[in-house]
């Protein structure tokens, strides 16, 4: 078994920090769906501004809000307006690794989806998905 990248929300802007919450990262529901991340799924958060890397779990935020909010202890490590990458991984059998196709969700400065791509096959399926999520672009 190998641990392989499953999905990534690339260069999202942190919109808030809530130190008094138990923990986790709250992410706009549309971003979670686009990146195939479930509520309570483990995520890795990489802070571009300060190099912090942490592991937590995702919570579903309001769809279309652009929310990326660090909660609990993570709110002490990552600041509002920092740029982060949110990653998920999956365990894959050795003979299936060549079929892994991570989903990469690119966002703008307001955390709106601008592109969804598969790192190997960048076909037009991402435009169809964006359309079904009701995102203009």
N, C-alpha and C. Protein backbone atom coordinates (compact mmCIF):
# COMPACT_ATOMS: atom_id res chain seq x y z
N UNK A 1 0.85 -1.18 0.00
CA UNK A 1 0.00 0.00 0.00
C UNK A 1 0.89 1.24 0.00
N UNK A 2 0.42 2.23 -0.74
CA UNK A 2 1.11 3.52 -0.77
C UNK A 2 0.10 4.62 -0.45
N UNK A 3 0.57 5.66 0.19
CA UNK A 3 -0.25 6.83 0.46
C UNK A 3 -0.07 7.80 -0.69
N UNK A 4 -1.17 8.10 -1.38
CA UNK A 4 -1.13 8.92 -2.59
C UNK A 4 -2.03 10.15 -2.41
N UNK A 5 -1.64 11.24 -3.08
CA UNK A 5 -2.47 12.44 -3.07
C UNK A 5 -3.82 12.13 -3.69
N UNK A 6 -4.90 12.48 -2.99
CA UNK A 6 -6.25 12.29 -3.50
C UNK A 6 -6.81 13.60 -4.05
N UNK A 7 -6.62 14.68 -3.29
CA UNK A 7 -7.17 15.96 -3.74
C UNK A 7 -6.45 17.12 -3.06
N UNK A 8 -6.62 18.29 -3.70
CA UNK A 8 -5.94 19.49 -3.18
C UNK A 8 -6.77 20.72 -3.51
N UNK A 9 -6.95 21.58 -2.51
CA UNK A 9 -7.48 22.92 -2.73
C UNK A 9 -6.26 23.82 -2.68
N UNK A 10 -5.95 24.44 -3.81
CA UNK A 10 -4.66 25.11 -3.99
C UNK A 10 -4.75 26.62 -3.78
N UNK A 11 -3.96 27.11 -2.84
CA UNK A 11 -3.77 28.54 -2.57
C UNK A 11 -5.07 29.25 -2.17
N UNK A 12 -5.77 28.67 -1.20
CA UNK A 12 -6.96 29.31 -0.64
C UNK A 12 -6.54 30.35 0.39
N UNK A 13 -7.36 31.39 0.52
CA UNK A 13 -7.07 32.44 1.50
C UNK A 13 -7.86 32.17 2.77
N UNK A 14 -7.18 32.21 3.92
CA UNK A 14 -7.84 32.00 5.21
C UNK A 14 -8.71 33.22 5.51
N UNK A 15 -10.00 32.96 5.75
CA UNK A 15 -10.95 34.05 5.99
C UNK A 15 -11.20 34.31 7.47
N UNK A 16 -10.77 33.38 8.32
CA UNK A 16 -10.99 33.58 9.75
C UNK A 16 -10.29 32.55 10.59
N UNK A 17 -10.18 32.87 11.88
CA UNK A 17 -9.59 31.97 12.87
C UNK A 17 -10.47 32.04 14.11
N UNK A 18 -10.78 30.88 14.68
CA UNK A 18 -11.64 30.81 15.85
C UNK A 18 -10.96 29.95 16.91
N UNK A 19 -10.19 30.60 17.77
CA UNK A 19 -9.40 29.90 18.79
C UNK A 19 -10.29 29.15 19.78
N UNK A 20 -11.53 29.61 20.00
CA UNK A 20 -12.39 29.03 21.02
C UNK A 20 -13.14 27.78 20.56
N UNK A 21 -13.00 27.41 19.29
CA UNK A 21 -13.66 26.21 18.79
C UNK A 21 -12.80 25.00 19.13
N UNK A 22 -13.40 23.81 19.20
CA UNK A 22 -12.67 22.60 19.59
C UNK A 22 -11.52 22.25 18.66
N UNK A 23 -11.64 22.55 17.40
CA UNK A 23 -10.57 22.21 16.46
C UNK A 23 -11.12 21.95 15.09
N UNK A 24 -10.27 21.92 14.10
CA UNK A 24 -10.62 21.61 12.72
C UNK A 24 -10.41 22.79 11.80
N UNK A 25 -10.85 22.63 10.55
CA UNK A 25 -10.87 23.70 9.56
C UNK A 25 -12.24 23.68 8.90
N UNK A 26 -12.90 24.82 8.89
CA UNK A 26 -14.19 24.95 8.24
C UNK A 26 -13.94 25.42 6.81
N UNK A 27 -14.52 24.70 5.84
CA UNK A 27 -14.28 24.97 4.43
C UNK A 27 -15.63 25.07 3.71
N UNK A 28 -15.75 26.07 2.85
CA UNK A 28 -16.93 26.25 2.00
C UNK A 28 -17.34 24.90 1.41
N UNK A 29 -18.62 24.58 1.53
CA UNK A 29 -19.15 23.29 1.05
C UNK A 29 -18.83 23.05 -0.43
N UNK A 30 -18.90 24.10 -1.26
CA UNK A 30 -18.61 23.92 -2.69
C UNK A 30 -17.17 23.49 -2.92
N UNK A 31 -16.24 24.01 -2.12
CA UNK A 31 -14.84 23.61 -2.24
C UNK A 31 -14.65 22.17 -1.80
N UNK A 32 -15.31 21.79 -0.71
CA UNK A 32 -15.21 20.40 -0.25
C UNK A 32 -15.73 19.44 -1.32
N UNK A 33 -16.87 19.76 -1.89
CA UNK A 33 -17.45 18.89 -2.92
C UNK A 33 -16.53 18.80 -4.14
N UNK A 34 -16.03 19.94 -4.59
CA UNK A 34 -15.17 19.95 -5.77
C UNK A 34 -13.90 19.13 -5.55
N UNK A 35 -13.36 19.17 -4.32
CA UNK A 35 -12.13 18.45 -4.00
C UNK A 35 -12.39 17.05 -3.46
N UNK A 36 -13.65 16.62 -3.42
CA UNK A 36 -14.01 15.30 -2.92
C UNK A 36 -13.50 15.08 -1.49
N UNK A 37 -13.77 16.08 -0.64
CA UNK A 37 -13.42 16.00 0.78
C UNK A 37 -14.73 15.93 1.57
N UNK A 38 -14.83 14.94 2.44
CA UNK A 38 -16.03 14.76 3.25
C UNK A 38 -15.89 15.50 4.58
N UNK A 39 -17.02 15.92 5.17
CA UNK A 39 -16.96 16.46 6.53
C UNK A 39 -16.34 15.41 7.46
N UNK A 40 -15.47 15.86 8.32
CA UNK A 40 -14.74 15.05 9.30
C UNK A 40 -13.60 14.24 8.69
N UNK A 41 -13.34 14.40 7.40
CA UNK A 41 -12.21 13.72 6.78
C UNK A 41 -10.92 14.43 7.19
N UNK A 42 -9.88 13.63 7.39
CA UNK A 42 -8.57 14.17 7.73
C UNK A 42 -8.01 14.98 6.56
N UNK A 43 -7.47 16.14 6.87
CA UNK A 43 -6.83 16.98 5.87
C UNK A 43 -5.49 17.47 6.42
N UNK A 44 -4.59 17.74 5.51
CA UNK A 44 -3.33 18.39 5.84
C UNK A 44 -3.45 19.83 5.36
N UNK A 45 -3.00 20.77 6.17
CA UNK A 45 -3.05 22.19 5.81
C UNK A 45 -1.63 22.72 5.79
N UNK A 46 -1.24 23.29 4.65
CA UNK A 46 0.11 23.84 4.47
C UNK A 46 -0.02 25.34 4.32
N UNK A 47 0.65 26.09 5.18
CA UNK A 47 0.59 27.55 5.14
C UNK A 47 1.73 28.09 4.29
N UNK A 48 1.41 28.73 3.18
CA UNK A 48 2.41 29.29 2.29
C UNK A 48 3.16 30.44 2.95
N UNK A 49 2.49 31.21 3.81
CA UNK A 49 3.09 32.40 4.42
C UNK A 49 4.17 32.08 5.44
N UNK A 50 3.95 31.04 6.27
CA UNK A 50 4.91 30.79 7.35
C UNK A 50 5.48 29.38 7.38
N UNK A 51 5.08 28.53 6.46
CA UNK A 51 5.64 27.19 6.37
C UNK A 51 5.02 26.16 7.31
N UNK A 52 4.04 26.57 8.10
CA UNK A 52 3.38 25.62 9.00
C UNK A 52 2.67 24.53 8.21
N UNK A 53 2.78 23.30 8.71
CA UNK A 53 2.06 22.16 8.17
C UNK A 53 1.35 21.51 9.34
N UNK A 54 0.04 21.27 9.20
CA UNK A 54 -0.69 20.65 10.29
C UNK A 54 -1.74 19.70 9.75
N UNK A 55 -2.15 18.80 10.62
CA UNK A 55 -3.16 17.82 10.29
C UNK A 55 -4.39 18.09 11.16
N UNK A 56 -5.57 18.08 10.54
CA UNK A 56 -6.82 18.28 11.27
C UNK A 56 -7.93 17.60 10.48
N UNK A 57 -9.18 17.98 10.71
CA UNK A 57 -10.28 17.42 9.96
C UNK A 57 -11.14 18.56 9.42
N UNK A 58 -11.83 18.27 8.33
CA UNK A 58 -12.64 19.29 7.66
C UNK A 58 -14.05 19.34 8.23
N UNK A 59 -14.57 20.55 8.33
CA UNK A 59 -15.97 20.78 8.64
C UNK A 59 -16.59 21.53 7.47
N UNK A 60 -17.86 21.28 7.22
CA UNK A 60 -18.55 21.90 6.10
C UNK A 60 -19.02 23.30 6.46
N UNK A 61 -18.58 24.28 5.66
CA UNK A 61 -19.03 25.65 5.80
C UNK A 61 -20.16 25.94 4.82
N UNK A 62 -20.70 27.13 4.90
CA UNK A 62 -21.81 27.52 4.02
C UNK A 62 -21.37 27.53 2.56
N UNK A 63 -22.18 26.92 1.71
CA UNK A 63 -21.89 26.86 0.28
C UNK A 63 -21.84 28.25 -0.32
N UNK A 64 -20.78 28.52 -1.07
CA UNK A 64 -20.63 29.80 -1.74
C UNK A 64 -20.07 30.92 -0.89
N UNK A 65 -19.78 30.62 0.37
CA UNK A 65 -19.29 31.66 1.30
C UNK A 65 -17.81 31.97 1.09
N UNK A 66 -17.06 31.04 0.53
CA UNK A 66 -15.61 31.21 0.41
C UNK A 66 -14.88 31.00 1.72
N UNK A 67 -15.59 30.51 2.73
CA UNK A 67 -15.02 30.37 4.06
C UNK A 67 -13.89 29.34 4.12
N UNK A 68 -12.80 29.77 4.73
CA UNK A 68 -11.70 28.89 5.13
C UNK A 68 -11.33 29.39 6.53
N UNK A 69 -11.78 28.69 7.56
CA UNK A 69 -11.60 29.16 8.93
C UNK A 69 -10.86 28.10 9.75
N UNK A 70 -9.72 28.48 10.31
CA UNK A 70 -8.97 27.60 11.20
C UNK A 70 -9.55 27.71 12.59
N UNK A 71 -9.77 26.56 13.22
CA UNK A 71 -10.41 26.51 14.53
C UNK A 71 -9.49 25.87 15.56
N UNK A 72 -9.71 26.23 16.81
CA UNK A 72 -8.96 25.63 17.91
C UNK A 72 -7.47 25.93 17.83
N UNK A 73 -6.67 24.93 18.19
CA UNK A 73 -5.22 25.10 18.25
C UNK A 73 -4.63 25.55 16.92
N UNK A 74 -5.20 25.10 15.81
CA UNK A 74 -4.70 25.48 14.48
C UNK A 74 -4.78 26.98 14.27
N UNK A 75 -5.72 27.65 14.93
CA UNK A 75 -5.88 29.09 14.79
C UNK A 75 -4.69 29.86 15.38
N UNK A 76 -3.87 29.19 16.18
CA UNK A 76 -2.66 29.83 16.71
C UNK A 76 -1.48 29.70 15.75
N UNK A 77 -1.60 28.82 14.77
CA UNK A 77 -0.50 28.54 13.85
C UNK A 77 -0.65 29.22 12.49
N UNK A 78 -1.89 29.47 12.12
CA UNK A 78 -2.19 30.03 10.80
C UNK A 78 -3.07 31.25 11.00
N UNK A 79 -2.77 32.34 10.32
CA UNK A 79 -3.46 33.62 10.53
C UNK A 79 -4.45 33.92 9.41
N UNK A 80 -5.43 34.75 9.73
CA UNK A 80 -6.37 35.25 8.73
C UNK A 80 -5.57 35.90 7.60
N UNK A 81 -6.01 35.65 6.37
CA UNK A 81 -5.41 36.16 5.13
C UNK A 81 -4.17 35.38 4.69
N UNK A 82 -3.70 34.41 5.49
CA UNK A 82 -2.62 33.55 5.00
C UNK A 82 -3.15 32.73 3.83
N UNK A 83 -2.22 32.30 2.98
CA UNK A 83 -2.56 31.46 1.84
C UNK A 83 -2.20 30.02 2.20
N UNK A 84 -3.17 29.11 2.02
CA UNK A 84 -2.96 27.71 2.41
C UNK A 84 -3.27 26.76 1.26
N UNK A 85 -2.71 25.58 1.39
CA UNK A 85 -3.03 24.46 0.52
C UNK A 85 -3.64 23.39 1.42
N UNK A 86 -4.78 22.86 1.03
CA UNK A 86 -5.47 21.84 1.81
C UNK A 86 -5.40 20.54 1.02
N UNK A 87 -4.83 19.49 1.62
CA UNK A 87 -4.57 18.23 0.93
C UNK A 87 -5.29 17.07 1.61
N UNK A 88 -5.66 16.08 0.80
CA UNK A 88 -6.10 14.79 1.32
C UNK A 88 -5.32 13.69 0.61
N UNK A 89 -5.21 12.56 1.28
CA UNK A 89 -4.49 11.41 0.73
C UNK A 89 -5.38 10.19 0.81
N UNK A 90 -5.03 9.17 0.06
CA UNK A 90 -5.72 7.88 0.16
C UNK A 90 -4.69 6.77 0.09
N UNK A 91 -5.04 5.65 0.69
CA UNK A 91 -4.18 4.47 0.64
C UNK A 91 -4.56 3.67 -0.61
N UNK A 92 -3.54 3.32 -1.40
CA UNK A 92 -3.77 2.67 -2.67
C UNK A 92 -2.87 1.44 -2.77
N UNK A 93 -3.42 0.36 -3.30
CA UNK A 93 -2.60 -0.83 -3.54
C UNK A 93 -1.54 -0.50 -4.58
N UNK A 94 -0.39 -1.11 -4.43
CA UNK A 94 0.76 -0.84 -5.31
C UNK A 94 0.38 -0.91 -6.79
N UNK A 95 -0.36 -1.94 -7.18
CA UNK A 95 -0.68 -2.10 -8.60
C UNK A 95 -1.74 -1.10 -9.10
N UNK A 96 -2.35 -0.33 -8.20
CA UNK A 96 -3.34 0.67 -8.60
C UNK A 96 -2.77 2.09 -8.62
N UNK A 97 -1.53 2.26 -8.21
CA UNK A 97 -0.96 3.61 -8.11
C UNK A 97 -0.91 4.33 -9.45
N UNK A 98 -0.73 3.60 -10.53
CA UNK A 98 -0.64 4.25 -11.84
C UNK A 98 -1.98 4.81 -12.30
N UNK A 99 -3.06 4.44 -11.62
CA UNK A 99 -4.39 4.92 -11.98
C UNK A 99 -4.85 6.09 -11.10
N UNK A 100 -4.03 6.51 -10.16
CA UNK A 100 -4.40 7.60 -9.27
C UNK A 100 -4.47 8.90 -10.07
N UNK A 101 -5.56 9.63 -9.91
CA UNK A 101 -5.77 10.90 -10.60
C UNK A 101 -6.24 11.94 -9.57
N UNK A 102 -5.32 12.59 -8.88
CA UNK A 102 -5.73 13.59 -7.88
C UNK A 102 -6.53 14.72 -8.52
N UNK A 103 -7.44 15.26 -7.75
CA UNK A 103 -8.22 16.42 -8.17
C UNK A 103 -7.58 17.66 -7.56
N UNK A 104 -7.30 18.65 -8.41
CA UNK A 104 -6.69 19.90 -7.95
C UNK A 104 -7.71 21.01 -8.18
N UNK A 105 -8.10 21.69 -7.10
CA UNK A 105 -9.07 22.77 -7.17
C UNK A 105 -8.32 24.09 -6.99
N UNK A 106 -8.32 24.91 -8.04
CA UNK A 106 -7.69 26.23 -7.97
C UNK A 106 -8.76 27.27 -7.65
N UNK A 107 -8.41 28.18 -6.76
CA UNK A 107 -9.36 29.22 -6.35
C UNK A 107 -8.76 30.60 -6.57
N UNK A 108 -9.63 31.61 -6.60
CA UNK A 108 -9.16 32.99 -6.70
C UNK A 108 -8.99 33.57 -5.29
N UNK A 109 -8.77 34.87 -5.20
CA UNK A 109 -8.50 35.51 -3.90
C UNK A 109 -9.71 35.52 -2.97
N UNK A 110 -10.89 35.23 -3.50
CA UNK A 110 -12.10 35.14 -2.68
C UNK A 110 -12.52 33.68 -2.45
N UNK A 111 -11.63 32.76 -2.79
CA UNK A 111 -11.86 31.32 -2.64
C UNK A 111 -13.00 30.81 -3.52
N UNK A 112 -13.20 31.45 -4.66
CA UNK A 112 -14.14 30.96 -5.65
C UNK A 112 -13.37 30.05 -6.61
N UNK A 113 -14.00 28.97 -7.00
CA UNK A 113 -13.35 28.01 -7.90
C UNK A 113 -13.13 28.63 -9.27
N UNK A 114 -11.89 28.58 -9.73
CA UNK A 114 -11.59 29.06 -11.08
C UNK A 114 -11.20 27.91 -12.01
N UNK A 115 -10.74 26.81 -11.43
CA UNK A 115 -10.39 25.65 -12.25
C UNK A 115 -10.36 24.41 -11.38
N UNK A 116 -10.87 23.33 -11.94
CA UNK A 116 -10.76 22.01 -11.31
C UNK A 116 -10.07 21.15 -12.33
N UNK A 117 -8.95 20.55 -11.94
CA UNK A 117 -8.28 19.70 -12.91
C UNK A 117 -7.78 18.43 -12.27
N UNK A 118 -7.63 17.48 -13.13
CA UNK A 118 -7.03 16.21 -12.79
C UNK A 118 -5.58 16.35 -13.22
N UNK A 119 -4.63 16.01 -12.38
CA UNK A 119 -3.23 16.30 -12.68
C UNK A 119 -2.69 15.58 -13.90
N UNK A 120 -3.35 14.52 -14.34
CA UNK A 120 -2.87 13.80 -15.51
C UNK A 120 -3.77 14.04 -16.71
N UNK A 121 -5.08 14.03 -16.50
CA UNK A 121 -6.03 14.21 -17.60
C UNK A 121 -6.80 15.51 -17.37
N UNK A 122 -6.35 16.60 -17.99
CA UNK A 122 -7.00 17.90 -17.81
C UNK A 122 -8.06 18.13 -18.89
N UNK A 123 -9.01 17.22 -18.98
CA UNK A 123 -10.06 17.33 -19.99
C UNK A 123 -11.14 18.30 -19.52
N UNK A 124 -12.17 18.47 -20.32
CA UNK A 124 -13.22 19.44 -20.03
C UNK A 124 -14.20 18.98 -18.95
N UNK A 125 -13.98 17.84 -18.31
CA UNK A 125 -14.89 17.40 -17.25
C UNK A 125 -14.97 18.42 -16.12
N UNK A 126 -13.88 19.19 -15.91
CA UNK A 126 -13.90 20.18 -14.82
C UNK A 126 -14.90 21.29 -15.09
N UNK A 127 -15.05 21.71 -16.35
CA UNK A 127 -16.02 22.74 -16.69
C UNK A 127 -17.44 22.25 -16.42
N UNK A 128 -17.69 20.98 -16.72
CA UNK A 128 -19.00 20.41 -16.46
C UNK A 128 -19.29 20.37 -14.95
N UNK A 129 -18.30 19.98 -14.16
CA UNK A 129 -18.49 19.93 -12.72
C UNK A 129 -18.75 21.32 -12.16
N UNK A 130 -17.97 22.31 -12.59
CA UNK A 130 -18.17 23.68 -12.14
C UNK A 130 -19.59 24.13 -12.48
N UNK A 131 -20.06 23.79 -13.66
CA UNK A 131 -21.41 24.15 -14.08
C UNK A 131 -22.46 23.50 -13.19
N UNK A 132 -22.29 22.22 -12.86
CA UNK A 132 -23.28 21.53 -12.03
C UNK A 132 -23.28 22.04 -10.60
N UNK A 133 -22.15 22.61 -10.15
CA UNK A 133 -22.10 23.19 -8.80
C UNK A 133 -22.69 24.60 -8.77
N UNK A 134 -23.08 25.12 -9.96
CA UNK A 134 -23.70 26.43 -10.01
C UNK A 134 -22.70 27.57 -9.90
N UNK A 135 -21.47 27.33 -10.32
CA UNK A 135 -20.42 28.34 -10.22
C UNK A 135 -20.24 28.99 -11.59
N UNK A 136 -20.28 30.31 -11.60
CA UNK A 136 -20.05 31.01 -12.86
C UNK A 136 -18.56 31.10 -13.12
N UNK A 137 -18.19 31.13 -14.37
CA UNK A 137 -16.78 31.27 -14.63
C UNK A 137 -16.46 30.88 -15.95
